[in-house]
Structures are given as C-alpha cells and as structure tokens.
C-alpha cells in the first residue's frame, strides 16, 4: 500500500503540468492555471484564465506548458490559441492563428525555443518562441495531427496524423528521415 503524503485539489481534469524550478505548474480543462510549491505541495496560485470559451475535451492534447513561463491555451471553435506567460502575473504574449481549423495537439521543444502546433486541418506548424514567427509549416495530412514530440536534443520532430501516418523530420537538415504507414 502506498501512503499519500499530500493531496492537491484542482477544479477539472489536468491537461498538462511541468516542473519549473521549485514549483509545479498545472493547466486543467476548465481554463485554470495553478502553481504548487514542490516543498509543501500546496497550491500557491490558482487563476481562471477564461470562462467564456467552450470547455475542451477531458483528454485534450492541445494545452501545453514549457519549462520557462510560456503556455498555449487553444480556443475551441476559433482556430486560434493564446500564448500566455506567467512570471509574477499572467499576461498574454500573442495569439497563434496559423491553422484553418482548431488546434488539436501542441508541444514546446525541450529547450523552450520552439512551439509545435498540429491542427484539425492536418497541418503541423513550428514557431519560434521569441517572435512566434513560423519556422516551418508542413503540407497538410489527410486527417488531423494527433501527436507531436521533439527529440531530446530538439534536432528532430516526430508527428502523427489520424490517417495512420507518422513522420520523422530533421529540423536542421530540413528533410524527412522516415515515414511510417
């Protein structure tokens, strides 16, 4: 039997979390953002980001945090997402509007310098996180992008679409290395 030392209560299903220094940052599907102390495992910050947008699916993969202070909140039904930063207070950095349909999945690179978003339009877009300009936009797949991951050194990206295709792409050589069907 495992003894649970602390219990953190959040409002909705947790969609993403990241350790950042001595805190754990948490996003849930009620558009709530939390910060918990890693020493005490108590919530030190809880903030609702928005209550006017449609609540995402409990298993949404479109919400993402990076290890620094940025996170992406997709706005369902709008094809857009907000990039927010949290230092001492929450602030909007930019709006991501690079897809023709909703953002389905998103992730930051391990070093936090790139943001990859995959849409229901079948397009994968990688943006620089300083300017949020597009680094590369891939040709659309037949179905929505369902999964994205960066390699540990951020040199490669692997993405899948619901048409059962997975692609390994070298970001520095700008070429496809493999495709699985």
C-alpha atoms as a PDB file:
ATOM      1  CA  UNK A   1       0.000   0.000   0.000  1.00  0.00           C
ATOM      2  CA  UNK A   2       1.218   3.499  -0.874  1.00  0.00           C
ATOM      3  CA  UNK A   3       0.697   6.256   1.667  1.00  0.00           C
ATOM      4  CA  UNK A   4      -0.273   9.541   0.042  1.00  0.00           C
ATOM      5  CA  UNK A   5       1.505  12.418   1.763  1.00  0.00           C
ATOM      6  CA  UNK A   6      -0.353  15.368   0.181  1.00  0.00           C
ATOM      7  CA  UNK A   7      -3.482  15.874  -1.894  1.00  0.00           C
ATOM      8  CA  UNK A   8      -3.811  18.803  -4.298  1.00  0.00           C
ATOM      9  CA  UNK A   9      -7.315  19.692  -5.387  1.00  0.00           C
ATOM     10  CA  UNK A  10      -7.857  21.207  -8.805  1.00  0.00           C
ATOM     11  CA  UNK A  11     -11.190  22.056 -10.406  1.00  0.00           C
ATOM     12  CA  UNK A  12     -11.098  19.993 -13.599  1.00  0.00           C
ATOM     13  CA  UNK A  13      -9.063  17.325 -15.379  1.00  0.00           C
ATOM     14  CA  UNK A  14      -5.358  18.154 -15.595  1.00  0.00           C
ATOM     15  CA  UNK A  15      -4.234  18.530 -19.224  1.00  0.00           C
ATOM     16  CA  UNK A  16      -0.569  19.410 -18.730  1.00  0.00           C
ATOM     17  CA  UNK A  17       1.964  20.088 -15.993  1.00  0.00           C
ATOM     18  CA  UNK A  18       5.654  20.954 -15.824  1.00  0.00           C
ATOM     19  CA  UNK A  19       8.230  21.384 -13.097  1.00  0.00           C
ATOM     20  CA  UNK A  20       9.801  24.831 -13.195  1.00  0.00           C
ATOM     21  CA  UNK A  21      12.420  25.427 -10.554  1.00  0.00           C
ATOM     22  CA  UNK A  22      10.830  24.739  -7.178  1.00  0.00           C
ATOM     23  CA  UNK A  23       7.227  24.832  -8.403  1.00  0.00           C
ATOM     24  CA  UNK A  24       4.866  22.622 -10.373  1.00  0.00           C
ATOM     25  CA  UNK A  25       2.751  24.470 -12.961  1.00  0.00           C
ATOM     26  CA  UNK A  26      -0.601  22.896 -13.850  1.00  0.00           C
ATOM     27  CA  UNK A  27      -3.245  23.553 -16.545  1.00  0.00           C
ATOM     28  CA  UNK A  28      -6.707  21.995 -16.416  1.00  0.00           C
ATOM     29  CA  UNK A  29      -9.550  21.747 -18.914  1.00  0.00           C
ATOM     30  CA  UNK A  30     -11.546  24.438 -17.117  1.00  0.00           C
ATOM     31  CA  UNK A  31      -9.002  27.029 -18.311  1.00  0.00           C
ATOM     32  CA  UNK A  32      -7.486  27.113 -14.812  1.00  0.00           C
ATOM     33  CA  UNK A  33      -3.789  27.649 -14.117  1.00  0.00           C
ATOM     34  CA  UNK A  34      -2.206  26.548 -10.856  1.00  0.00           C
ATOM     35  CA  UNK A  35       1.198  26.779  -9.239  1.00  0.00           C
ATOM     36  CA  UNK A  36       2.088  24.347  -6.466  1.00  0.00           C
ATOM     37  CA  UNK A  37       5.134  24.507  -4.230  1.00  0.00           C
ATOM     38  CA  UNK A  38       7.369  21.449  -4.616  1.00  0.00           C
ATOM     39  CA  UNK A  39       8.443  21.801  -0.968  1.00  0.00           C
ATOM     40  CA  UNK A  40       4.999  21.872   0.622  1.00  0.00           C
ATOM     41  CA  UNK A  41       2.875  20.552  -2.258  1.00  0.00           C
ATOM     42  CA  UNK A  42       0.335  23.265  -1.537  1.00  0.00           C
ATOM     43  CA  UNK A  43      -1.227  25.467  -4.177  1.00  0.00           C
ATOM     44  CA  UNK A  44       0.352  28.909  -4.059  1.00  0.00           C
ATOM     45  CA  UNK A  45      -1.543  30.286  -7.052  1.00  0.00           C
ATOM     46  CA  UNK A  46      -4.838  29.442  -8.717  1.00  0.00           C
ATOM     47  CA  UNK A  47      -6.220  31.546 -11.538  1.00  0.00           C
ATOM     48  CA  UNK A  48      -9.021  31.083 -14.039  1.00  0.00           C
ATOM     49  CA  UNK A  49      -7.850  32.200 -17.465  1.00  0.00           C
ATOM     50  CA  UNK A  50     -11.246  32.310 -19.158  1.00  0.00           C
ATOM     51  CA  UNK A  51     -14.773  31.144 -18.591  1.00  0.00           C
ATOM     52  CA  UNK A  52     -16.225  32.336 -21.905  1.00  0.00           C
ATOM     53  CA  UNK A  53     -14.781  29.645 -24.180  1.00  0.00           C
ATOM     54  CA  UNK A  54     -16.059  26.147 -24.806  1.00  0.00           C
ATOM     55  CA  UNK A  55     -14.555  23.686 -22.357  1.00  0.00           C
ATOM     56  CA  UNK A  56     -12.070  21.353 -24.045  1.00  0.00           C
ATOM     57  CA  UNK A  57     -12.316  17.595 -24.029  1.00  0.00           C
ATOM     58  CA  UNK A  58     -11.089  15.967 -20.825  1.00  0.00           C
ATOM     59  CA  UNK A  59      -8.254  14.344 -22.782  1.00  0.00           C
ATOM     60  CA  UNK A  60      -7.231  17.348 -24.899  1.00  0.00           C
ATOM     61  CA  UNK A  61      -3.592  17.368 -26.020  1.00  0.00           C
ATOM     62  CA  UNK A  62      -3.678  20.966 -27.259  1.00  0.00           C
ATOM     63  CA  UNK A  63      -2.876  22.659 -23.942  1.00  0.00           C
ATOM     64  CA  UNK A  64       0.855  22.809 -23.257  1.00  0.00           C
ATOM     65  CA  UNK A  65       3.350  24.398 -20.872  1.00  0.00           C
ATOM     66  CA  UNK A  66       7.074  24.852 -21.266  1.00  0.00           C
ATOM     67  CA  UNK A  67       9.691  24.783 -18.518  1.00  0.00           C
ATOM     68  CA  UNK A  68      10.023  28.540 -18.576  1.00  0.00           C
ATOM     69  CA  UNK A  69       6.953  30.713 -18.238  1.00  0.00           C
ATOM     70  CA  UNK A  70       5.040  30.190 -21.506  1.00  0.00           C
ATOM     71  CA  UNK A  71       1.944  28.156 -22.176  1.00  0.00           C
ATOM     72  CA  UNK A  72      -0.554  27.701 -25.005  1.00  0.00           C
ATOM     73  CA  UNK A  73      -4.301  27.779 -24.446  1.00  0.00           C
ATOM     74  CA  UNK A  74      -6.280  26.757 -27.563  1.00  0.00           C
ATOM     75  CA  UNK A  75      -9.612  28.482 -28.063  1.00  0.00           C
ATOM     76  CA  UNK A  76     -12.026  25.863 -29.316  1.00  0.00           C
ATOM     77  CA  UNK A  77     -14.117  26.785 -32.331  1.00  0.00           C
ATOM     78  CA  UNK A  78     -11.848  29.736 -33.221  1.00  0.00           C
ATOM     79  CA  UNK A  79      -8.808  28.066 -34.906  1.00  0.00           C
ATOM     80  CA  UNK A  80      -6.688  30.204 -32.555  1.00  0.00           C
ATOM     81  CA  UNK A  81      -4.765  29.862 -29.354  1.00  0.00           C
ATOM     82  CA  UNK A  82      -3.360  32.297 -26.814  1.00  0.00           C
ATOM     83  CA  UNK A  83       0.255  32.109 -25.761  1.00  0.00           C
ATOM     84  CA  UNK A  84       0.409  33.315 -22.188  1.00  0.00           C
ATOM     85  CA  UNK A  85       3.328  33.967 -19.872  1.00  0.00           C
ATOM     86  CA  UNK A  86       3.381  33.751 -16.141  1.00  0.00           C
ATOM     87  CA  UNK A  87       6.136  35.475 -14.253  1.00  0.00           C
ATOM     88  CA  UNK A  88       4.532  37.244 -11.310  1.00  0.00           C
ATOM     89  CA  UNK A  89       1.244  37.822 -13.126  1.00  0.00           C
ATOM     90  CA  UNK A  90      -0.493  36.262 -16.107  1.00  0.00           C
ATOM     91  CA  UNK A  91      -0.026  38.134 -19.370  1.00  0.00           C
ATOM     92  CA  UNK A  92      -0.954  37.484 -22.982  1.00  0.00           C
ATOM     93  CA  UNK A  93       2.101  37.213 -25.245  1.00  0.00           C
ATOM     94  CA  UNK A  94       0.480  36.593 -28.625  1.00  0.00           C
ATOM     95  CA  UNK A  95      -2.331  34.886 -30.495  1.00  0.00           C
ATOM     96  CA  UNK A  96      -1.500  31.842 -32.596  1.00  0.00           C
ATOM     97  CA  UNK A  97      -3.668  31.901 -35.725  1.00  0.00           C
ATOM     98  CA  UNK A  98      -1.857  29.609 -38.141  1.00  0.00           C
ATOM     99  CA  UNK A  99      -4.495  26.918 -38.653  1.00  0.00           C
ATOM    100  CA  UNK A 100      -7.728  26.762 -40.666  1.00  0.00           C
ATOM    101  CA  UNK A 101      -9.349  24.517 -38.046  1.00  0.00           C
ATOM    102  CA  UNK A 102      -8.910  24.022 -34.294  1.00  0.00           C
ATOM    103  CA  UNK A 103      -5.528  23.260 -32.745  1.00  0.00           C
ATOM    104  CA  UNK A 104      -5.665  19.571 -31.744  1.00  0.00           C
ATOM    105  CA  UNK A 105      -2.217  18.998 -30.240  1.00  0.00           C
ATOM    106  CA  UNK A 106       0.697  21.206 -29.195  1.00  0.00           C
ATOM    107  CA  UNK A 107       4.066  20.917 -27.502  1.00  0.00           C
ATOM    108  CA  UNK A 108       7.100  23.032 -26.768  1.00  0.00           C
ATOM    109  CA  UNK A 109      10.611  21.860 -27.601  1.00  0.00           C
ATOM    110  CA  UNK A 110      12.685  20.733 -24.612  1.00  0.00           C
ATOM    111  CA  UNK A 111      14.700  23.971 -24.638  1.00  0.00           C
ATOM    112  CA  UNK A 112      11.504  26.053 -24.944  1.00  0.00           C
ATOM    113  CA  UNK A 113      12.671  27.770 -28.136  1.00  0.00           C
ATOM    114  CA  UNK A 114      10.057  26.220 -30.448  1.00  0.00           C
ATOM    115  CA  UNK A 115       6.308  25.640 -30.276  1.00  0.00           C
ATOM    116  CA  UNK A 116       4.758  22.972 -32.483  1.00  0.00           C
ATOM    117  CA  UNK A 117       1.004  23.017 -33.105  1.00  0.00           C
ATOM    118  CA  UNK A 118      -0.995  20.441 -35.034  1.00  0.00           C
ATOM    119  CA  UNK A 119      -4.438  21.241 -36.304  1.00  0.00           C
ATOM    120  CA  UNK A 120      -7.641  19.556 -37.314  1.00  0.00           C
ATOM    121  CA  UNK A 121      -6.681  20.915 -40.751  1.00  0.00           C
ATOM    122  CA  UNK A 122      -3.864  18.304 -40.890  1.00  0.00           C
ATOM    123  CA  UNK A 123      -1.144  20.965 -40.744  1.00  0.00           C
ATOM    124  CA  UNK A 124       1.866  20.961 -38.411  1.00  0.00           C
ATOM    125  CA  UNK A 125       3.358  24.409 -37.723  1.00  0.00           C
ATOM    126  CA  UNK A 126       6.573  25.077 -35.811  1.00  0.00           C
ATOM    127  CA  UNK A 127       7.072  28.597 -34.468  1.00  0.00           C
ATOM    128  CA  UNK A 128       9.973  30.358 -32.797  1.00  0.00           C
ATOM    129  CA  UNK A 129       9.003  31.298 -29.221  1.00  0.00           C
ATOM    130  CA  UNK A 130      10.793  34.664 -29.248  1.00  0.00           C
ATOM    131  CA  UNK A 131       8.895  36.167 -32.180  1.00  0.00           C
ATOM    132  CA  UNK A 132       6.251  33.468 -32.823  1.00  0.00           C
ATOM    133  CA  UNK A 133       7.110  33.635 -36.500  1.00  0.00           C
ATOM    134  CA  UNK A 134       6.710  30.380 -38.393  1.00  0.00           C
ATOM    135  CA  UNK A 135       9.921  28.384 -38.742  1.00  0.00           C
ATOM    136  CA  UNK A 136       8.314  25.713 -40.905  1.00  0.00           C
ATOM    137  CA  UNK A 137       4.786  24.713 -41.905  1.00  0.00           C
ATOM    138  CA  UNK A 138       4.302  21.196 -43.214  1.00  0.00           C
ATOM    139  CA  UNK A 139       1.982  20.188 -46.040  1.00  0.00           C
ATOM    140  CA  UNK A 140      -1.430  19.106 -44.756  1.00  0.00           C
ATOM    141  CA  UNK A 141      -2.096  15.469 -43.968  1.00  0.00           C
ATOM    142  CA  UNK A 142      -5.410  13.863 -44.939  1.00  0.00           C
ATOM    143  CA  UNK A 143      -6.612  13.963 -41.322  1.00  0.00           C
ATOM    144  CA  UNK A 144      -5.887  15.906 -38.127  1.00  0.00           C
ATOM    145  CA  UNK A 145      -2.487  15.901 -36.402  1.00  0.00           C
ATOM    146  CA  UNK A 146      -2.823  13.597 -33.403  1.00  0.00           C
ATOM    147  CA  UNK A 147       0.625  13.557 -31.742  1.00  0.00           C
ATOM    148  CA  UNK A 148       3.845  15.587 -31.758  1.00  0.00           C
ATOM    149  CA  UNK A 149       7.162  15.191 -29.953  1.00  0.00           C
ATOM    150  CA  UNK A 150      10.617  16.729 -30.197  1.00  0.00           C
ATOM    151  CA  UNK A 151      13.768  14.639 -29.753  1.00  0.00           C
ATOM    152  CA  UNK A 152      15.744  15.297 -26.563  1.00  0.00           C
ATOM    153  CA  UNK A 153      18.243  17.457 -28.460  1.00  0.00           C
ATOM    154  CA  UNK A 154      15.431  19.232 -30.414  1.00  0.00           C
ATOM    155  CA  UNK A 155      17.022  18.278 -33.754  1.00  0.00           C
ATOM    156  CA  UNK A 156      14.104  16.082 -34.824  1.00  0.00           C
ATOM    157  CA  UNK A 157      10.355  16.229 -34.640  1.00  0.00           C
ATOM    158  CA  UNK A 158       8.065  13.228 -34.922  1.00  0.00           C
ATOM    159  CA  UNK A 159       4.405  13.770 -35.702  1.00  0.00           C
ATOM    160  CA  UNK A 160       1.430  11.576 -36.463  1.00  0.00           C
ATOM    161  CA  UNK A 161      -1.874  12.200 -38.101  1.00  0.00           C
ATOM    162  CA  UNK A 162      -5.095  10.294 -37.737  1.00  0.00           C
ATOM    163  CA  UNK A 163      -4.627   8.948 -41.277  1.00  0.00           C
ATOM    164  CA  UNK A 164      -2.177   6.458 -39.677  1.00  0.00           C
ATOM    165  CA  UNK A 165       0.934   8.259 -40.925  1.00  0.00           C
ATOM    166  CA  UNK A 166       3.918   9.059 -38.679  1.00  0.00           C
ATOM    167  CA  UNK A 167       6.787  11.201 -39.962  1.00  0.00           C
ATOM    168  CA  UNK A 168      10.287  11.761 -38.540  1.00  0.00           C
ATOM    169  CA  UNK A 169      11.693  15.083 -39.719  1.00  0.00           C
ATOM    170  CA  UNK A 170      15.203  16.530 -39.283  1.00  0.00           C
ATOM    171  CA  UNK A 171      14.745  20.208 -38.405  1.00  0.00           C
ATOM    172  CA  UNK A 172      18.360  21.178 -39.136  1.00  0.00           C
ATOM    173  CA  UNK A 173      18.742  19.394 -42.455  1.00  0.00           C
ATOM    174  CA  UNK A 174      15.143  20.311 -43.342  1.00  0.00           C
ATOM    175  CA  UNK A 175      14.264  16.863 -44.638  1.00  0.00           C
ATOM    176  CA  UNK A 176      12.045  13.898 -43.941  1.00  0.00           C
ATOM    177  CA  UNK A 177      14.020  10.988 -42.471  1.00  0.00           C
ATOM    178  CA  UNK A 178      11.289   8.378 -42.206  1.00  0.00           C
ATOM    179  CA  UNK A 179       7.604   7.816 -42.765  1.00  0.00           C
ATOM    180  CA  UNK A 180       5.569   5.046 -41.167  1.00  0.00           C
ATOM    181  CA  UNK A 181       2.255   3.987 -42.690  1.00  0.00           C
END
